[in-house]
Amino acid sequence: MAALGAERGEASKVEEKINTQKTADSWKRHIIRQLKHRDKYQKAMFQDVILAYINLLERSNQRALITKGILGSGSRYPASSNESLTSLISKNDDLKKTTGELAYQVLELQQEIKIKDSVLEEQHARMCEVKKDLLGVQAEDGSLAVRVAEVTEGNRLLKREYDSLLEQHHDMDQTFREEKLRGQEMLEELVRRKQHAAIRMNSRNERRVRAREASLQKELETAGKVKVTIDVGSVSAPASREASPKSDLAERRTTRLFRSASVTSPPRILDSIKELFDRKKRRGNSLCLSLEEELYVPVGICLAARVPVRALHVLELGNL
């Protein structure tokens, strides 16, 4: 919009310049016509004066010749007639009258020339003022043309800078959209990988749970097939063990626990069952357990199996 306004302003200024040039040309033509008219008028006016002056000279010459002839004839013919003298006197009067008229006409013409000279001087002064104004207008026109050129160049530079900034904005917008799409794809891929990893981990945990359930089932079946004989003398064992927990801990550490369903020796199964009963009795007799008993948890036989309530492994999405 700024460029269009600048172009319109430039066009209007060019039109004003053309109109000013036309006005100046019309003023010049008018002044030339006035000068030519003045020359013709003054030439005609002076032509009348010149013709009148020539006629005056001719009449003066004629008068001189007549006077000279009269004087010569008078000297040669002293007995001239009165009629010729009277005619000469009348001619002399006519010449004087004509000379006076011509002199009056010359004075009138001089007055007219003075008036016209004053008019011409006024016109010349006005013409000088018009020329001065014309020079000022031309100087202003030149400064405006320079200003128009500067504004046009500035608009062109601004247009180029705006185009470059607009292109950079488009490029940055395109890059931002591509990076945003790429980030979404990477996030989706990461979530997909985490989901697959979680599925694999869940399936692995399920397989482990199933394997444990199967092994426990086998152990239960094996334990059900084995006959167990409980000795009554072993009931008094917890009292002595409560008296010496350290010796009990050492004894239990030396004893090999039952850990797999593939064990086939009955004495080991019996030992594990005895330890299970001893632990239940100790918990019933004492309200608080010692630190050593908390640290050591014997592995017994699982008589009932179910789905675990608490997860064995808890992994966050970002920790995979």
C-alpha atoms as a PDB file:
ATOM      1  CA  MET A   1       0.000   0.000   0.000  1.00  0.00           C
ATOM      2  CA  ALA A   2       2.829   2.404   0.804  1.00  0.00           C
ATOM      3  CA  ALA A   3       4.428   1.621  -2.565  1.00  0.00           C
ATOM      4  CA  LEU A   4       1.120   2.284  -4.383  1.00  0.00           C
ATOM      5  CA  GLY A   5       0.690   5.581  -2.514  1.00  0.00           C
ATOM      6  CA  ALA A   6       4.253   6.561  -3.373  1.00  0.00           C
ATOM      7  CA  GLU A   7       3.661   5.715  -7.052  1.00  0.00           C
ATOM      8  CA  ARG A   8       0.437   7.735  -7.096  1.00  0.00           C
ATOM      9  CA  GLY A   9       2.191  10.670  -5.415  1.00  0.00           C
ATOM     10  CA  GLU A  10       5.017  10.399  -7.914  1.00  0.00           C
ATOM     11  CA  ALA A  11       2.528  10.345 -10.816  1.00  0.00           C
ATOM     12  CA  SER A  12       0.719  13.413  -9.451  1.00  0.00           C
ATOM     13  CA  LYS A  13       4.028  15.224  -9.003  1.00  0.00           C
ATOM     14  CA  VAL A  14       5.033  14.350 -12.560  1.00  0.00           C
ATOM     15  CA  GLU A  15       1.695  15.712 -13.801  1.00  0.00           C
ATOM     16  CA  GLU A  16       2.215  18.895 -11.779  1.00  0.00           C
ATOM     17  CA  LYS A  17       5.686  19.184 -13.248  1.00  0.00           C
ATOM     18  CA  ILE A  18       4.287  18.799 -16.765  1.00  0.00           C
ATOM     19  CA  ASN A  19       1.582  21.398 -16.060  1.00  0.00           C
ATOM     20  CA  THR A  20       4.197  23.775 -14.643  1.00  0.00           C
ATOM     21  CA  GLN A  21       6.340  23.249 -17.723  1.00  0.00           C
ATOM     22  CA  LYS A  22       3.339  23.932 -19.967  1.00  0.00           C
ATOM     23  CA  THR A  23       2.524  27.101 -17.997  1.00  0.00           C
ATOM     24  CA  ALA A  24       6.135  28.263 -18.279  1.00  0.00           C
ATOM     25  CA  ASP A  25       6.111  27.593 -22.022  1.00  0.00           C
ATOM     26  CA  SER A  26       2.856  29.530 -22.419  1.00  0.00           C
ATOM     27  CA  TRP A  27       4.358  32.425 -20.420  1.00  0.00           C
ATOM     28  CA  LYS A  28       7.432  32.390 -22.645  1.00  0.00           C
ATOM     29  CA  ARG A  29       5.337  32.413 -25.808  1.00  0.00           C
ATOM     30  CA  HIS A  30       3.201  35.251 -24.452  1.00  0.00           C
ATOM     31  CA  ILE A  31       6.295  37.304 -23.568  1.00  0.00           C
ATOM     32  CA  ILE A  32       7.796  36.699 -27.015  1.00  0.00           C
ATOM     33  CA  ARG A  33       4.553  37.798 -28.657  1.00  0.00           C
ATOM     34  CA  GLN A  34       4.477  40.949 -26.535  1.00  0.00           C
ATOM     35  CA  LEU A  35       8.076  41.778 -27.425  1.00  0.00           C
ATOM     36  CA  LYS A  36       7.415  41.280 -31.133  1.00  0.00           C
ATOM     37  CA  HIS A  37       4.309  43.434 -30.913  1.00  0.00           C
ATOM     38  CA  ARG A  38       6.302  46.134 -29.083  1.00  0.00           C
ATOM     39  CA  ASP A  39       9.014  46.053 -31.743  1.00  0.00           C
ATOM     40  CA  LYS A  40       6.473  46.358 -34.532  1.00  0.00           C
ATOM     41  CA  TYR A  41       4.605  49.146 -32.767  1.00  0.00           C
ATOM     42  CA  GLN A  42       7.758  51.104 -31.931  1.00  0.00           C
ATOM     43  CA  LYS A  43       9.041  50.585 -35.453  1.00  0.00           C
ATOM     44  CA  ALA A  44       5.797  51.927 -36.904  1.00  0.00           C
ATOM     45  CA  MET A  45       5.810  54.791 -34.427  1.00  0.00           C
ATOM     46  CA  PHE A  46       9.401  55.731 -35.181  1.00  0.00           C
ATOM     47  CA  GLN A  47       8.707  55.236 -38.858  1.00  0.00           C
ATOM     48  CA  ASP A  48       6.120  58.010 -38.665  1.00  0.00           C
ATOM     49  CA  VAL A  49       8.608  60.204 -36.822  1.00  0.00           C
ATOM     50  CA  ILE A  50      11.297  59.446 -39.377  1.00  0.00           C
ATOM     51  CA  LEU A  51       8.963  60.195 -42.260  1.00  0.00           C
ATOM     52  CA  ALA A  52       7.844  63.416 -40.602  1.00  0.00           C
ATOM     53  CA  TYR A  53      11.478  64.341 -39.971  1.00  0.00           C
ATOM     54  CA  ILE A  54      12.358  63.612 -43.603  1.00  0.00           C
ATOM     55  CA  ASN A  55       9.441  65.729 -44.779  1.00  0.00           C
ATOM     56  CA  LEU A  56      10.566  68.465 -42.430  1.00  0.00           C
ATOM     57  CA  LEU A  57      14.093  68.285 -43.834  1.00  0.00           C
ATOM     58  CA  GLU A  58      12.786  68.405 -47.378  1.00  0.00           C
ATOM     59  CA  ARG A  59      10.656  71.415 -46.594  1.00  0.00           C
ATOM     60  CA  SER A  60      13.563  73.079 -44.840  1.00  0.00           C
ATOM     61  CA  ASN A  61      15.743  72.428 -47.851  1.00  0.00           C
ATOM     62  CA  GLN A  62      13.054  73.764 -50.101  1.00  0.00           C
ATOM     63  CA  ARG A  63      12.744  76.825 -47.894  1.00  0.00           C
ATOM     64  CA  ALA A  64      16.489  77.339 -47.957  1.00  0.00           C
ATOM     65  CA  LEU A  65      16.524  76.990 -51.715  1.00  0.00           C
ATOM     66  CA  ILE A  66      13.627  79.381 -52.083  1.00  0.00           C
ATOM     67  CA  THR A  67      15.240  81.865 -49.757  1.00  0.00           C
ATOM     68  CA  LYS A  68      18.503  81.540 -51.591  1.00  0.00           C
ATOM     69  CA  GLY A  69      16.699  82.003 -54.934  1.00  0.00           C
ATOM     70  CA  ILE A  70      14.812  84.978 -53.650  1.00  0.00           C
ATOM     71  CA  LEU A  71      17.939  86.578 -52.349  1.00  0.00           C
ATOM     72  CA  GLY A  72      19.747  85.843 -55.594  1.00  0.00           C
ATOM     73  CA  SER A  73      16.915  87.111 -57.737  1.00  0.00           C
ATOM     74  CA  GLY A  74      16.607  90.218 -55.597  1.00  0.00           C
ATOM     75  CA  SER A  75      20.238  91.012 -56.071  1.00  0.00           C
ATOM     76  CA  ARG A  76      20.021  90.292 -59.746  1.00  0.00           C
ATOM     77  CA  TYR A  77      16.643  91.831 -60.183  1.00  0.00           C
ATOM     78  CA  PRO A  78      16.257  94.624 -57.746  1.00  0.00           C
ATOM     79  CA  ALA A  79      12.952  95.645 -59.305  1.00  0.00           C
ATOM     80  CA  SER A  80      10.982  92.465 -58.407  1.00  0.00           C
ATOM     81  CA  SER A  81       7.283  92.541 -58.160  1.00  0.00           C
ATOM     82  CA  ASN A  82       5.332  92.647 -54.928  1.00  0.00           C
ATOM     83  CA  GLU A  83       3.343  89.543 -55.866  1.00  0.00           C
ATOM     84  CA  SER A  84       6.338  87.242 -55.889  1.00  0.00           C
ATOM     85  CA  LEU A  85       7.415  88.572 -52.501  1.00  0.00           C
ATOM     86  CA  THR A  86       3.957  88.091 -51.101  1.00  0.00           C
ATOM     87  CA  SER A  87       3.852  84.519 -52.372  1.00  0.00           C
ATOM     88  CA  LEU A  88       7.221  83.786 -50.857  1.00  0.00           C
ATOM     89  CA  ILE A  89       6.142  85.243 -47.535  1.00  0.00           C
ATOM     90  CA  SER A  90       3.012  83.100 -47.576  1.00  0.00           C
ATOM     91  CA  LYS A  91       5.054  80.028 -48.386  1.00  0.00           C
ATOM     92  CA  ASN A  92       7.408  80.890 -45.560  1.00  0.00           C
ATOM     93  CA  ASP A  93       4.453  81.172 -43.200  1.00  0.00           C
ATOM     94  CA  ASP A  94       3.168  77.828 -44.408  1.00  0.00           C
ATOM     95  CA  LEU A  95       6.560  76.266 -43.825  1.00  0.00           C
ATOM     96  CA  LYS A  96       6.707  77.702 -40.312  1.00  0.00           C
ATOM     97  CA  LYS A  97       3.231  76.443 -39.616  1.00  0.00           C
ATOM     98  CA  THR A  98       4.129  73.006 -40.958  1.00  0.00           C
ATOM     99  CA  THR A  99       7.342  73.009 -38.938  1.00  0.00           C
ATOM    100  CA  GLY A 100       5.392  73.861 -35.777  1.00  0.00           C
ATOM    101  CA  GLU A 101       2.884  71.134 -36.458  1.00  0.00           C
ATOM    102  CA  LEU A 102       5.676  68.657 -37.044  1.00  0.00           C
ATOM    103  CA  ALA A 103       7.414  69.742 -33.850  1.00  0.00           C
ATOM    104  CA  TYR A 104       4.162  69.336 -31.938  1.00  0.00           C
ATOM    105  CA  GLN A 105       3.711  65.891 -33.435  1.00  0.00           C
ATOM    106  CA  VAL A 106       7.293  65.053 -32.451  1.00  0.00           C
ATOM    107  CA  LEU A 107       6.569  66.116 -28.861  1.00  0.00           C
ATOM    108  CA  GLU A 108       3.390  64.070 -28.786  1.00  0.00           C
ATOM    109  CA  LEU A 109       5.257  61.096 -30.165  1.00  0.00           C
ATOM    110  CA  GLN A 110       7.967  61.549 -27.567  1.00  0.00           C
ATOM    111  CA  GLN A 111       5.344  61.610 -24.810  1.00  0.00           C
ATOM    112  CA  GLU A 112       3.792  58.455 -26.190  1.00  0.00           C
ATOM    113  CA  ILE A 113       7.239  56.866 -26.394  1.00  0.00           C
ATOM    114  CA  LYS A 114       7.902  57.748 -22.745  1.00  0.00           C
ATOM    115  CA  ILE A 115       4.548  56.289 -21.703  1.00  0.00           C
ATOM    116  CA  LYS A 116       5.199  53.141 -23.677  1.00  0.00           C
ATOM    117  CA  ASP A 117       8.713  52.935 -22.291  1.00  0.00           C
ATOM    118  CA  SER A 118       7.297  53.089 -18.764  1.00  0.00           C
ATOM    119  CA  VAL A 119       4.771  50.404 -19.687  1.00  0.00           C
ATOM    120  CA  LEU A 120       7.559  48.309 -21.185  1.00  0.00           C
ATOM    121  CA  GLU A 121       9.645  48.816 -18.057  1.00  0.00           C
ATOM    122  CA  GLU A 122       6.726  47.642 -15.933  1.00  0.00           C
ATOM    123  CA  GLN A 123       6.261  44.665 -18.211  1.00  0.00           C
ATOM    124  CA  HIS A 124       9.971  43.971 -18.067  1.00  0.00           C
ATOM    125  CA  ALA A 125       9.892  44.152 -14.263  1.00  0.00           C
ATOM    126  CA  ARG A 126       6.925  41.812 -14.212  1.00  0.00           C
ATOM    127  CA  MET A 127       8.706  39.542 -16.641  1.00  0.00           C
ATOM    128  CA  CYS A 128      11.760  39.528 -14.359  1.00  0.00           C
ATOM    129  CA  GLU A 129       9.531  38.664 -11.409  1.00  0.00           C
ATOM    130  CA  VAL A 130       7.879  35.918 -13.428  1.00  0.00           C
ATOM    131  CA  LYS A 131      11.300  34.599 -14.428  1.00  0.00           C
ATOM    132  CA  LYS A 132      12.387  34.683 -10.803  1.00  0.00           C
ATOM    133  CA  ASP A 133       9.221  32.835  -9.778  1.00  0.00           C
ATOM    134  CA  LEU A 134       9.787  30.403 -12.611  1.00  0.00           C
ATOM    135  CA  LEU A 135      13.339  29.766 -11.416  1.00  0.00           C
ATOM    136  CA  GLY A 136      12.027  29.208  -7.876  1.00  0.00           C
ATOM    137  CA  VAL A 137       9.376  26.827  -9.188  1.00  0.00           C
ATOM    138  CA  GLN A 138      11.974  24.999 -11.242  1.00  0.00           C
ATOM    139  CA  ALA A 139      14.280  24.750  -8.211  1.00  0.00           C
ATOM    140  CA  GLU A 140      11.398  23.473  -6.088  1.00  0.00           C
ATOM    141  CA  ASP A 141      10.481  21.093  -8.862  1.00  0.00           C
ATOM    142  CA  GLY A 142      14.065  19.813  -8.924  1.00  0.00           C
ATOM    143  CA  SER A 143      14.089  19.356  -5.141  1.00  0.00           C
ATOM    144  CA  LEU A 144      10.746  17.567  -5.321  1.00  0.00           C
ATOM    145  CA  ALA A 145      12.076  15.339  -8.087  1.00  0.00           C
ATOM    146  CA  VAL A 146      15.103  14.501  -5.923  1.00  0.00           C
ATOM    147  CA  ARG A 147      12.795  13.842  -2.982  1.00  0.00           C
ATOM    148  CA  VAL A 148      10.599  11.627  -5.146  1.00  0.00           C
ATOM    149  CA  ALA A 149      13.665   9.684  -6.277  1.00  0.00           C
ATOM    150  CA  GLU A 150      14.796   9.262  -2.645  1.00  0.00           C
ATOM    151  CA  VAL A 151      11.342   8.140  -1.512  1.00  0.00           C
ATOM    152  CA  THR A 152      11.107   5.747  -4.450  1.00  0.00           C
ATOM    153  CA  GLU A 153      14.504   4.271  -3.612  1.00  0.00           C
ATOM    154  CA  GLY A 154      13.537   3.996   0.063  1.00  0.00           C
ATOM    155  CA  ASN A 155      10.272   2.268  -0.847  1.00  0.00           C
ATOM    156  CA  ARG A 156      12.150  -0.106  -3.112  1.00  0.00           C
ATOM    157  CA  LEU A 157      14.592  -0.987  -0.313  1.00  0.00           C
ATOM    158  CA  LEU A 158      11.731  -1.413   2.160  1.00  0.00           C
ATOM    159  CA  LYS A 159       9.902  -3.619  -0.333  1.00  0.00           C
ATOM    160  CA  ARG A 160      13.016  -5.757  -0.791  1.00  0.00           C
ATOM    161  CA  GLU A 161      13.529  -6.028   2.990  1.00  0.00           C
ATOM    162  CA  TYR A 162       9.859  -6.865   3.497  1.00  0.00           C
ATOM    163  CA  ASP A 163      10.027  -9.572   0.831  1.00  0.00           C
ATOM    164  CA  SER A 164      13.151 -11.068   2.426  1.00  0.00           C
ATOM    165  CA  LEU A 165      11.546 -11.017   5.900  1.00  0.00           C
ATOM    166  CA  LEU A 166       8.377 -12.566   4.513  1.00  0.00           C
ATOM    167  CA  GLU A 167      10.398 -15.310   2.837  1.00  0.00           C
ATOM    168  CA  GLN A 168      12.309 -15.951   6.084  1.00  0.00           C
ATOM    169  CA  HIS A 169       9.010 -16.106   7.962  1.00  0.00           C
ATOM    170  CA  HIS A 170       7.664 -18.664   5.488  1.00  0.00           C
ATOM    171  CA  ASP A 171      10.858 -20.725   5.777  1.00  0.00           C
ATOM    172  CA  MET A 172      10.795 -20.590   9.582  1.00  0.00           C
ATOM    173  CA  ASP A 173       7.112 -21.489   9.631  1.00  0.00           C
ATOM    174  CA  GLN A 174       7.751 -24.446   7.331  1.00  0.00           C
ATOM    175  CA  THR A 175      10.709 -25.555   9.475  1.00  0.00           C
ATOM    176  CA  PHE A 176       8.616 -25.211  12.638  1.00  0.00           C
ATOM    177  CA  ARG A 177       5.833 -27.322  11.161  1.00  0.00           C
ATOM    178  CA  GLU A 178       8.301 -29.978  10.005  1.00  0.00           C
ATOM    179  CA  GLU A 179      10.013 -30.060  13.418  1.00  0.00           C
ATOM    180  CA  LYS A 180       6.658 -30.198  15.191  1.00  0.00           C
ATOM    181  CA  LEU A 181       5.532 -33.085  12.988  1.00  0.00           C
ATOM    182  CA  ARG A 182       8.868 -34.789  13.515  1.00  0.00           C
ATOM    183  CA  GLY A 183       8.571 -34.350  17.296  1.00  0.00           C
ATOM    184  CA  GLN A 184       5.074 -35.834  17.251  1.00  0.00           C
ATOM    185  CA  GLU A 185       6.303 -38.776  15.202  1.00  0.00           C
ATOM    186  CA  MET A 186       9.252 -39.298  17.558  1.00  0.00           C
ATOM    187  CA  LEU A 187       6.938 -39.101  20.585  1.00  0.00           C
ATOM    188  CA  GLU A 188       4.527 -41.572  19.015  1.00  0.00           C
ATOM    189  CA  GLU A 189       7.417 -43.876  18.160  1.00  0.00           C
ATOM    190  CA  LEU A 190       8.758 -43.601  21.731  1.00  0.00           C
ATOM    191  CA  VAL A 191       5.322 -44.326  23.197  1.00  0.00           C
ATOM    192  CA  ARG A 192       4.946 -47.246  20.795  1.00  0.00           C
ATOM    193  CA  ARG A 193       8.314 -48.633  21.860  1.00  0.00           C
ATOM    194  CA  LYS A 194       7.442 -48.194  25.533  1.00  0.00           C
ATOM    195  CA  GLN A 195       4.139 -49.947  24.968  1.00  0.00           C
ATOM    196  CA  HIS A 196       5.857 -52.855  23.213  1.00  0.00           C
ATOM    197  CA  ALA A 197       8.447 -53.009  25.986  1.00  0.00           C
ATOM    198  CA  ALA A 198       5.694 -52.958  28.623  1.00  0.00           C
ATOM    199  CA  ILE A 199       3.818 -55.684  26.762  1.00  0.00           C
ATOM    200  CA  ARG A 200       6.979 -57.786  26.569  1.00  0.00           C
ATOM    201  CA  MET A 201       7.685 -57.173  30.262  1.00  0.00           C
ATOM    202  CA  ASN A 202       4.112 -58.098  31.208  1.00  0.00           C
ATOM    203  CA  SER A 203       4.259 -61.240  29.112  1.00  0.00           C
ATOM    204  CA  ARG A 204       7.624 -62.123  30.684  1.00  0.00           C
ATOM    205  CA  ASN A 205       6.203 -61.518  34.164  1.00  0.00           C
ATOM    206  CA  GLU A 206       3.156 -63.602  33.329  1.00  0.00           C
ATOM    207  CA  ARG A 207       5.391 -66.420  32.139  1.00  0.00           C
ATOM    208  CA  ARG A 208       7.411 -66.162  35.353  1.00  0.00           C
ATOM    209  CA  VAL A 209       4.253 -66.182  37.485  1.00  0.00           C
ATOM    210  CA  ARG A 210       2.932 -69.153  35.597  1.00  0.00           C
ATOM    211  CA  ALA A 211       6.260 -70.944  35.973  1.00  0.00           C
ATOM    212  CA  ARG A 212       6.223 -70.212  39.703  1.00  0.00           C
ATOM    213  CA  GLU A 213       2.654 -71.415  40.012  1.00  0.00           C
ATOM    214  CA  ALA A 214       3.555 -74.572  38.131  1.00  0.00           C
ATOM    215  CA  SER A 215       6.612 -75.160  40.283  1.00  0.00           C
ATOM    216  CA  LEU A 216       4.587 -74.546  43.457  1.00  0.00           C
ATOM    217  CA  GLN A 217       1.926 -76.918  42.204  1.00  0.00           C
ATOM    218  CA  LYS A 218       4.560 -79.550  41.596  1.00  0.00           C
ATOM    219  CA  GLU A 219       6.036 -78.949  45.055  1.00  0.00           C
ATOM    220  CA  LEU A 220       2.590 -79.271  46.604  1.00  0.00           C
ATOM    221  CA  GLU A 221       1.967 -82.476  44.729  1.00  0.00           C
ATOM    222  CA  THR A 222       5.367 -83.787  45.802  1.00  0.00           C
ATOM    223  CA  ALA A 223       4.763 -82.703  49.402  1.00  0.00           C
ATOM    224  CA  GLY A 224       1.342 -84.340  49.360  1.00  0.00           C
ATOM    225  CA  LYS A 225       2.849 -87.610  48.304  1.00  0.00           C
ATOM    226  CA  VAL A 226       5.468 -87.583  51.126  1.00  0.00           C
ATOM    227  CA  LYS A 227       4.454 -88.846  54.583  1.00  0.00           C
ATOM    228  CA  VAL A 228       5.375 -86.481  57.426  1.00  0.00           C
ATOM    229  CA  THR A 229       6.005 -87.623  61.037  1.00  0.00           C
ATOM    230  CA  ILE A 230       6.063 -84.865  63.622  1.00  0.00           C
ATOM    231  CA  ASP A 231       8.067 -85.486  66.773  1.00  0.00           C
ATOM    232  CA  VAL A 232       6.567 -84.157  70.023  1.00  0.00           C
ATOM    233  CA  GLY A 233       9.961 -83.272  71.392  1.00  0.00           C
ATOM    234  CA  SER A 234      10.369 -80.644  68.760  1.00  0.00           C
ATOM    235  CA  VAL A 235       7.629 -78.517  70.339  1.00  0.00           C
ATOM    236  CA  SER A 236       9.954 -77.436  73.140  1.00  0.00           C
ATOM    237  CA  ALA A 237      12.496 -76.201  70.626  1.00  0.00           C
ATOM    238  CA  PRO A 238      11.105 -72.650  70.303  1.00  0.00           C
ATOM    239  CA  ALA A 239      11.734 -71.871  73.974  1.00  0.00           C
ATOM    240  CA  SER A 240      15.396 -72.704  73.715  1.00  0.00           C
ATOM    241  CA  ARG A 241      15.593 -70.838  70.409  1.00  0.00           C
ATOM    242  CA  GLU A 242      14.047 -67.740  71.972  1.00  0.00           C
ATOM    243  CA  ALA A 243      16.656 -67.885  74.671  1.00  0.00           C
ATOM    244  CA  SER A 244      19.507 -67.921  72.192  1.00  0.00           C
ATOM    245  CA  PRO A 245      18.484 -66.196  68.916  1.00  0.00           C
ATOM    246  CA  LYS A 246      22.023 -65.958  67.664  1.00  0.00           C
ATOM    247  CA  SER A 247      22.589 -69.686  67.970  1.00  0.00           C
ATOM    248  CA  ASP A 248      19.215 -70.263  66.278  1.00  0.00           C
ATOM    249  CA  LEU A 249      20.227 -67.959  63.429  1.00  0.00           C
ATOM    250  CA  ALA A 250      23.546 -69.746  63.023  1.00  0.00           C
ATOM    251  CA  GLU A 251      21.771 -73.084  63.079  1.00  0.00           C
ATOM    252  CA  ARG A 252      19.264 -71.993  60.476  1.00  0.00           C
ATOM    253  CA  ARG A 253      21.976 -70.605  58.276  1.00  0.00           C
ATOM    254  CA  THR A 254      23.781 -73.910  58.395  1.00  0.00           C
ATOM    255  CA  THR A 255      20.598 -75.720  57.469  1.00  0.00           C
ATOM    256  CA  ARG A 256      19.911 -75.969  53.765  1.00  0.00           C
ATOM    257  CA  LEU A 257      16.459 -74.738  52.888  1.00  0.00           C
ATOM    258  CA  PHE A 258      14.032 -76.196  50.449  1.00  0.00           C
ATOM    259  CA  ARG A 259      14.181 -74.029  47.261  1.00  0.00           C
ATOM    260  CA  SER A 260      12.949 -76.026  44.323  1.00  0.00           C
ATOM    261  CA  ALA A 261      10.302 -78.484  43.475  1.00  0.00           C
ATOM    262  CA  SER A 262      12.879 -80.969  42.206  1.00  0.00           C
ATOM    263  CA  VAL A 263      14.077 -81.906  45.754  1.00  0.00           C
ATOM    264  CA  THR A 264      13.306 -85.563  46.465  1.00  0.00           C
ATOM    265  CA  SER A 265      14.756 -86.166  49.966  1.00  0.00           C
ATOM    266  CA  PRO A 266      11.998 -86.441  52.632  1.00  0.00           C
ATOM    267  CA  PRO A 267      14.193 -85.278  55.544  1.00  0.00           C
ATOM    268  CA  ARG A 268      14.700 -81.911  53.929  1.00  0.00           C
ATOM    269  CA  ILE A 269      10.973 -81.519  53.394  1.00  0.00           C
ATOM    270  CA  LEU A 270      10.387 -82.424  57.035  1.00  0.00           C
ATOM    271  CA  ASP A 271      12.944 -79.874  58.178  1.00  0.00           C
ATOM    272  CA  SER A 272      11.258 -77.152  56.159  1.00  0.00           C
ATOM    273  CA  ILE A 273       7.826 -78.036  57.585  1.00  0.00           C
ATOM    274  CA  LYS A 274       9.252 -77.988  61.116  1.00  0.00           C
ATOM    275  CA  GLU A 275      10.799 -74.572  60.553  1.00  0.00           C
ATOM    276  CA  LEU A 276       7.443 -73.306  59.248  1.00  0.00           C
ATOM    277  CA  PHE A 277       5.625 -74.458  62.418  1.00  0.00           C
ATOM    278  CA  ASP A 278       8.383 -73.094  64.649  1.00  0.00           C
ATOM    279  CA  ARG A 279       8.112 -69.665  62.987  1.00  0.00           C
ATOM    280  CA  LYS A 280       4.326 -69.551  63.505  1.00  0.00           C
ATOM    281  CA  LYS A 281       4.728 -70.460  67.167  1.00  0.00           C
ATOM    282  CA  ARG A 282       7.349 -67.767  67.700  1.00  0.00           C
ATOM    283  CA  ARG A 283       5.095 -65.151  66.165  1.00  0.00           C
ATOM    284  CA  GLY A 284       2.254 -66.230  68.431  1.00  0.00           C
ATOM    285  CA  ASN A 285       4.370 -66.066  71.600  1.00  0.00           C
ATOM    286  CA  SER A 286       6.208 -62.801  70.979  1.00  0.00           C
ATOM    287  CA  LEU A 287       4.676 -59.519  69.801  1.00  0.00           C
ATOM    288  CA  CYS A 288       7.824 -57.992  68.369  1.00  0.00           C
ATOM    289  CA  LEU A 289      10.447 -59.781  66.344  1.00  0.00           C
ATOM    290  CA  SER A 290      14.136 -59.228  66.524  1.00  0.00           C
ATOM    291  CA  LEU A 291      16.167 -57.622  63.782  1.00  0.00           C
ATOM    292  CA  GLU A 292      17.850 -60.865  62.937  1.00  0.00           C
ATOM    293  CA  GLU A 293      14.521 -62.594  62.398  1.00  0.00           C
ATOM    294  CA  GLU A 294      13.365 -59.730  60.200  1.00  0.00           C
ATOM    295  CA  LEU A 295      16.490 -59.985  58.095  1.00  0.00           C
ATOM    296  CA  TYR A 296      16.180 -63.709  57.646  1.00  0.00           C
ATOM    297  CA  VAL A 297      13.006 -65.000  56.002  1.00  0.00           C
ATOM    298  CA  PRO A 298      12.998 -68.747  55.452  1.00  0.00           C
ATOM    299  CA  VAL A 299      11.548 -70.182  52.323  1.00  0.00           C
ATOM    300  CA  GLY A 300       8.647 -72.473  53.044  1.00  0.00           C
ATOM    301  CA  ILE A 301       6.159 -74.460  51.074  1.00  0.00           C
ATOM    302  CA  CYS A 302       3.282 -72.541  49.518  1.00  0.00           C
ATOM    303  CA  LEU A 303       0.041 -74.329  50.314  1.00  0.00           C
ATOM    304  CA  ALA A 304      -2.207 -71.919  48.365  1.00  0.00           C
ATOM    305  CA  ALA A 305      -1.347 -69.951  45.198  1.00  0.00           C
ATOM    306  CA  ARG A 306      -3.101 -66.915  43.649  1.00  0.00           C
ATOM    307  CA  VAL A 307      -2.380 -63.954  41.377  1.00  0.00           C
ATOM    308  CA  PRO A 308       0.071 -61.499  43.030  1.00  0.00           C
ATOM    309  CA  VAL A 309      -1.567 -58.417  44.510  1.00  0.00           C
ATOM    310  CA  ARG A 310       1.585 -56.282  44.326  1.00  0.00           C
ATOM    311  CA  ALA A 311       3.661 -55.969  41.128  1.00  0.00           C
ATOM    312  CA  LEU A 312       7.115 -57.497  41.259  1.00  0.00           C
ATOM    313  CA  HIS A 313       8.661 -54.930  38.916  1.00  0.00           C
ATOM    314  CA  VAL A 314       7.424 -51.348  38.530  1.00  0.00           C
ATOM    315  CA  LEU A 315       8.957 -49.439  35.609  1.00  0.00           C
ATOM    316  CA  GLU A 316       8.139 -45.951  34.429  1.00  0.00           C
ATOM    317  CA  LEU A 317       7.759 -45.085  30.754  1.00  0.00           C
ATOM    318  CA  GLY A 318      10.917 -42.973  30.673  1.00  0.00           C
ATOM    319  CA  ASN A 319      13.072 -45.547  32.492  1.00  0.00           C
ATOM    320  CA  LEU A 320      12.958 -48.124  29.676  1.00  0.00           C
END
